[in-house]
Amino acid sequence: MKPIRVLVVDDHPVFRQGVRDILETEADFEVVGEAADGEVALQLSRTLCPDVVIMDINLPTMNGLQVTGQIKAEQRDIKVIMLTGYDNVEQVFHAIRAGASAYCPKDIMPDRLVETIHTAIKGFYVIDDDILTESGVALWLDGEVAAKAGAAGLDMEDVFMPLSPREMEVLKLVTKGLSNKEIAYQLGISHQTVKNHMTSVLRKLDVSDRTQAAVYALGRGWVRLQDAQNS
C-alpha cells in the first residue's frame, strides 16, 4: 500500500518538525514537504499533490482558510486538516465551509492526530469528538447558520459569509491603520470601491466599525499581528 503523502504548513519550524516527527514514526505516512506561509503552501500543493495538508490558520501572505479554499477549488481530493490554536465554533464553521475535513487544536495528542488523518482519508469529517459523513457535516453547517441567524436576528445569507480575496486584502490593510484613500492607492482601485468592500466586510462580520473588524480578524488569526505591525 502506498503511504499517505502529507504536506505540513505552519510558520513555526519547531512545530512543523514536531508534526513531521509524529508522522514519520508511522509506516503509512510520508511527509513530502513543508511550508511556512500561505502562498508557498498553495504552490507546493499544486506541485506535490499531497493526499493530506496539515494547515495552520495564522500564516503570512495568505491565511489558512484562504489557502484551504483555493486548494479545494483546484484539487478536491486533497484532504485538509486544520491544526490551530484558535478554537471556537465560529472558526470551526469557517474552516469546514472552506473545505477542511477536520479542525483540531494544536495540543492534540499524537495518536489522535494520526487517527484523524486516517478518518479524513476515508472521506469522513472530524469536528470535536464527532465523526461525520458528508451529509452529516452539511446538516451541522446548516444548524450553525440557523442558530447564529436566530440569535442575532440576521438573514440566513448574511451569516458566517466568508470574505472574498479582495475583501481580505482590504481588511489586512485596515489592520495596518490605512485609510480608505490609502488602501485605494495601494490596491489600485477607486475610493468608492474600497468603501463598498468595507461595507460588505462589516456586514459579513456583523461588526459596526473598522476597529471591530480589525480586532475580529486579528483575534481569529486571519491577519497576523506581525503583518499588521509592519506597515
Protein backbone atom coordinates (compact mmCIF):
# COMPACT_ATOMS: atom_id res chain seq x y z
CA MET A 1 0.00 0.00 0.00
CA LYS A 2 1.31 3.44 -0.92
CA PRO A 3 1.99 5.76 2.04
CA ILE A 4 -0.26 8.73 2.76
CA ARG A 5 1.61 11.78 1.42
CA VAL A 6 1.45 14.77 3.77
CA LEU A 7 2.31 18.46 3.39
CA VAL A 8 2.83 20.31 6.70
CA VAL A 9 2.01 24.04 6.75
CA ASP A 10 2.90 26.19 9.75
CA ASP A 11 5.10 29.25 10.18
CA HIS A 12 6.83 27.84 13.28
CA PRO A 13 9.69 25.49 12.32
CA VAL A 14 9.69 23.73 15.68
CA PHE A 15 6.01 22.89 15.34
CA ARG A 16 6.48 21.67 11.77
CA GLN A 17 9.30 19.44 12.93
CA GLY A 18 7.14 18.10 15.74
CA VAL A 19 4.38 17.12 13.30
CA ARG A 20 6.96 15.57 10.98
CA ASP A 21 8.42 13.55 13.85
CA ILE A 22 4.97 12.23 14.79
CA LEU A 23 4.10 11.18 11.26
CA GLU A 24 7.47 9.70 10.42
CA THR A 25 7.11 7.20 13.26
CA GLU A 26 4.15 5.76 11.33
CA ALA A 27 4.96 3.42 8.45
CA ASP A 28 1.99 4.56 6.37
CA PHE A 29 2.87 8.27 6.24
CA GLU A 30 5.35 10.18 4.11
CA VAL A 31 5.95 13.89 4.73
CA VAL A 32 6.58 15.18 1.22
CA GLY A 33 7.05 18.86 2.04
CA GLU A 34 6.77 21.78 4.44
CA ALA A 35 5.64 25.38 4.01
CA ALA A 36 5.90 28.40 6.30
CA ASP A 37 3.45 30.71 4.51
CA GLY A 38 0.20 30.52 2.60
CA GLU A 39 1.43 31.25 -0.91
CA VAL A 40 4.19 28.64 -0.70
CA ALA A 41 1.67 26.14 0.69
CA LEU A 42 -0.58 26.71 -2.31
CA GLN A 43 2.32 26.32 -4.74
CA LEU A 44 3.52 23.11 -3.08
CA SER A 45 0.03 21.64 -3.05
CA ARG A 46 -0.03 22.12 -6.82
CA THR A 47 3.40 20.62 -7.49
CA LEU A 48 3.47 17.85 -4.87
CA CYS A 49 -0.23 16.86 -4.98
CA PRO A 50 -0.24 15.51 -1.39
CA ASP A 51 -3.04 13.36 -0.05
CA VAL A 52 -3.30 15.48 3.11
CA VAL A 53 -2.33 19.01 4.11
CA ILE A 54 -1.85 19.81 7.80
CA MET A 55 -2.79 23.51 7.85
CA ASP A 56 -2.45 26.32 10.38
CA ILE A 57 -4.75 29.35 10.11
CA ASN A 58 -2.33 32.09 11.18
CA LEU A 59 0.08 32.28 8.21
CA PRO A 60 1.97 35.00 6.35
CA THR A 61 0.84 36.11 2.85
CA MET A 62 -2.46 34.12 2.84
CA ASN A 63 -4.23 32.75 5.89
CA GLY A 64 -5.01 29.07 6.21
CA LEU A 65 -8.69 29.50 5.42
CA GLN A 66 -7.90 31.21 2.12
CA VAL A 67 -5.33 28.56 1.20
CA THR A 68 -7.73 25.76 2.09
CA GLY A 69 -10.47 27.22 -0.07
CA GLN A 70 -8.10 27.58 -3.03
CA ILE A 71 -6.67 24.08 -2.62
CA LYS A 72 -10.12 22.52 -2.54
CA ALA A 73 -11.23 24.56 -5.55
CA GLU A 74 -8.31 23.21 -7.56
CA GLN A 75 -7.80 19.71 -6.11
CA ARG A 76 -10.89 18.39 -4.40
CA ASP A 77 -9.29 15.06 -3.46
CA ILE A 78 -6.74 16.67 -1.14
CA LYS A 79 -7.83 16.45 2.50
CA VAL A 80 -7.05 19.46 4.70
CA ILE A 81 -6.64 19.08 8.45
CA MET A 82 -6.76 22.42 10.26
CA LEU A 83 -4.39 22.25 13.22
CA THR A 84 -4.63 25.56 15.06
CA GLY A 85 -4.68 27.37 18.36
CA TYR A 86 -7.87 29.29 17.51
CA ASP A 87 -10.62 27.14 18.94
CA ASN A 88 -14.21 28.40 18.72
CA VAL A 89 -17.27 27.16 16.90
CA GLU A 90 -17.35 30.09 14.50
CA GLN A 91 -13.78 29.40 13.41
CA VAL A 92 -14.58 25.71 13.01
CA PHE A 93 -17.51 26.70 10.81
CA HIS A 94 -15.31 28.83 8.54
CA ALA A 95 -12.72 26.03 8.27
CA ILE A 96 -15.21 23.30 7.38
CA ARG A 97 -17.04 25.59 4.97
CA ALA A 98 -13.71 26.39 3.29
CA GLY A 99 -13.28 22.67 2.65
CA ALA A 100 -11.35 21.32 5.64
CA SER A 101 -12.03 17.72 6.65
CA ALA A 102 -11.12 18.29 10.30
CA TYR A 103 -10.45 21.06 12.80
CA CYS A 104 -8.08 20.17 15.64
CA PRO A 105 -6.31 22.06 18.45
CA LYS A 106 -2.53 22.26 18.31
CA ASP A 107 -2.26 20.39 21.60
CA ILE A 108 -3.87 17.31 20.05
CA MET A 109 -2.34 14.01 21.17
CA PRO A 110 -0.14 12.33 18.53
CA ASP A 111 -2.27 9.19 18.29
CA ARG A 112 -5.40 11.33 17.86
CA LEU A 113 -3.77 13.28 15.02
CA VAL A 114 -2.85 10.04 13.26
CA GLU A 115 -6.39 8.74 13.74
CA THR A 116 -7.88 11.99 12.42
CA ILE A 117 -5.81 11.83 9.24
CA HIS A 118 -6.89 8.24 8.62
CA THR A 119 -10.51 9.24 9.18
CA ALA A 120 -10.24 12.13 6.71
CA ILE A 121 -8.62 9.91 4.09
CA LYS A 122 -11.67 7.64 4.31
CA GLY A 123 -13.89 10.58 3.40
CA PHE A 124 -15.23 11.49 6.84
CA TYR A 125 -15.14 14.78 8.73
CA VAL A 126 -13.91 15.29 12.29
CA ILE A 127 -15.39 18.07 14.44
CA ASP A 128 -14.54 17.92 18.14
CA ASP A 129 -15.16 14.28 19.06
CA ASP A 130 -17.67 13.68 16.30
CA ILE A 131 -17.04 11.79 13.07
CA LEU A 132 -19.45 12.94 10.37
CA THR A 133 -20.33 11.86 6.86
CA GLU A 134 -20.60 14.42 4.07
CA SER A 135 -24.35 14.66 4.60
CA GLY A 136 -23.83 14.87 8.36
CA VAL A 137 -21.41 17.77 8.06
CA ALA A 138 -23.85 19.56 5.73
CA LEU A 139 -26.52 19.28 8.41
CA TRP A 140 -24.04 20.56 11.03
CA LEU A 141 -23.23 23.58 8.86
CA ASP A 142 -26.92 24.32 8.30
CA GLY A 143 -27.55 24.03 12.04
CA GLU A 144 -24.80 26.50 12.90
CA VAL A 145 -26.09 29.01 10.36
CA ALA A 146 -29.65 28.70 11.65
CA ALA A 147 -28.53 29.07 15.28
CA LYS A 148 -26.45 32.16 14.53
CA ALA A 149 -29.18 33.75 12.42
CA GLY A 150 -31.80 33.13 15.09
CA ALA A 151 -29.65 34.50 17.90
CA ALA A 152 -28.63 37.64 16.03
CA GLY A 153 -31.84 38.25 14.08
CA LEU A 154 -29.95 38.13 10.79
CA ASP A 155 -30.94 36.90 7.36
CA MET A 156 -29.57 33.43 6.61
CA GLU A 157 -27.44 34.66 3.72
CA ASP A 158 -25.70 37.20 5.97
CA VAL A 159 -24.47 34.64 8.47
CA PHE A 160 -20.87 33.37 8.50
CA MET A 161 -20.28 34.64 4.99
CA PRO A 162 -16.61 34.23 4.07
CA LEU A 163 -14.72 37.26 2.86
CA SER A 164 -13.63 37.41 -0.76
CA PRO A 165 -9.88 37.59 -1.50
CA ARG A 166 -10.20 41.33 -2.22
CA GLU A 167 -12.15 41.94 0.98
CA MET A 168 -9.43 40.11 2.89
CA GLU A 169 -6.81 42.35 1.26
CA VAL A 170 -8.75 45.44 2.31
CA LEU A 171 -9.20 44.13 5.85
CA LYS A 172 -5.49 43.35 6.15
CA LEU A 173 -4.67 46.95 5.22
CA VAL A 174 -7.26 48.21 7.70
CA THR A 175 -5.40 46.34 10.47
CA LYS A 176 -2.30 48.30 9.44
CA GLY A 177 -4.17 51.55 10.09
CA LEU A 178 -4.52 52.67 6.47
CA SER A 179 -7.36 54.98 5.48
CA ASN A 180 -9.74 54.16 2.64
CA LYS A 181 -7.86 56.60 0.42
CA GLU A 182 -4.52 54.95 1.22
CA ILE A 183 -5.99 51.48 0.65
CA ALA A 184 -7.37 52.59 -2.71
CA TYR A 185 -3.96 53.88 -3.76
CA GLN A 186 -2.12 50.75 -2.61
CA LEU A 187 -4.54 48.34 -4.31
CA GLY A 188 -5.02 50.45 -7.44
CA ILE A 189 -8.78 50.71 -7.06
CA SER A 190 -11.18 53.59 -6.55
CA HIS A 191 -12.01 55.14 -3.20
CA GLN A 192 -15.67 54.21 -3.69
CA THR A 193 -14.71 50.58 -4.37
CA VAL A 194 -12.84 50.45 -1.07
CA LYS A 195 -15.88 51.89 0.71
CA ASN A 196 -18.06 49.24 -0.91
CA HIS A 197 -15.70 46.48 0.21
CA MET A 198 -15.62 47.85 3.75
CA THR A 199 -19.41 47.97 3.90
CA SER A 200 -19.51 44.33 2.83
CA VAL A 201 -16.83 43.33 5.37
CA LEU A 202 -18.69 44.98 8.25
CA ARG A 203 -21.93 43.29 7.23
CA LYS A 204 -20.39 39.84 6.83
CA LEU A 205 -18.53 40.02 10.14
CA ASP A 206 -21.54 41.59 11.90
CA VAL A 207 -19.44 44.42 13.37
CA SER A 208 -20.13 48.13 13.43
CA ASP A 209 -16.82 49.77 12.56
CA ARG A 210 -13.30 49.32 11.16
CA THR A 211 -11.71 48.85 14.57
CA GLN A 212 -14.03 45.98 15.44
CA ALA A 213 -13.35 44.41 12.04
CA ALA A 214 -9.60 44.61 12.63
CA VAL A 215 -9.91 43.09 16.11
CA TYR A 216 -12.11 40.33 14.67
CA ALA A 217 -9.52 39.43 12.01
CA LEU A 218 -6.56 39.54 14.39
CA GLY A 219 -8.36 37.58 17.08
CA ARG A 220 -9.09 34.71 14.71
CA GLY A 221 -5.69 34.56 13.07
CA TRP A 222 -6.99 35.74 9.69
CA VAL A 223 -4.41 38.52 9.79
CA ARG A 224 -1.16 38.10 11.68
CA LEU A 225 -0.26 40.69 14.32
CA GLN A 226 3.25 40.83 12.83
CA ASP A 227 1.81 41.76 9.43
CA ALA A 228 -0.40 44.44 10.95
CA GLN A 229 2.60 45.99 12.70
CA ASN A 230 4.75 46.01 9.57
CA SER A 231 3.03 48.93 7.90
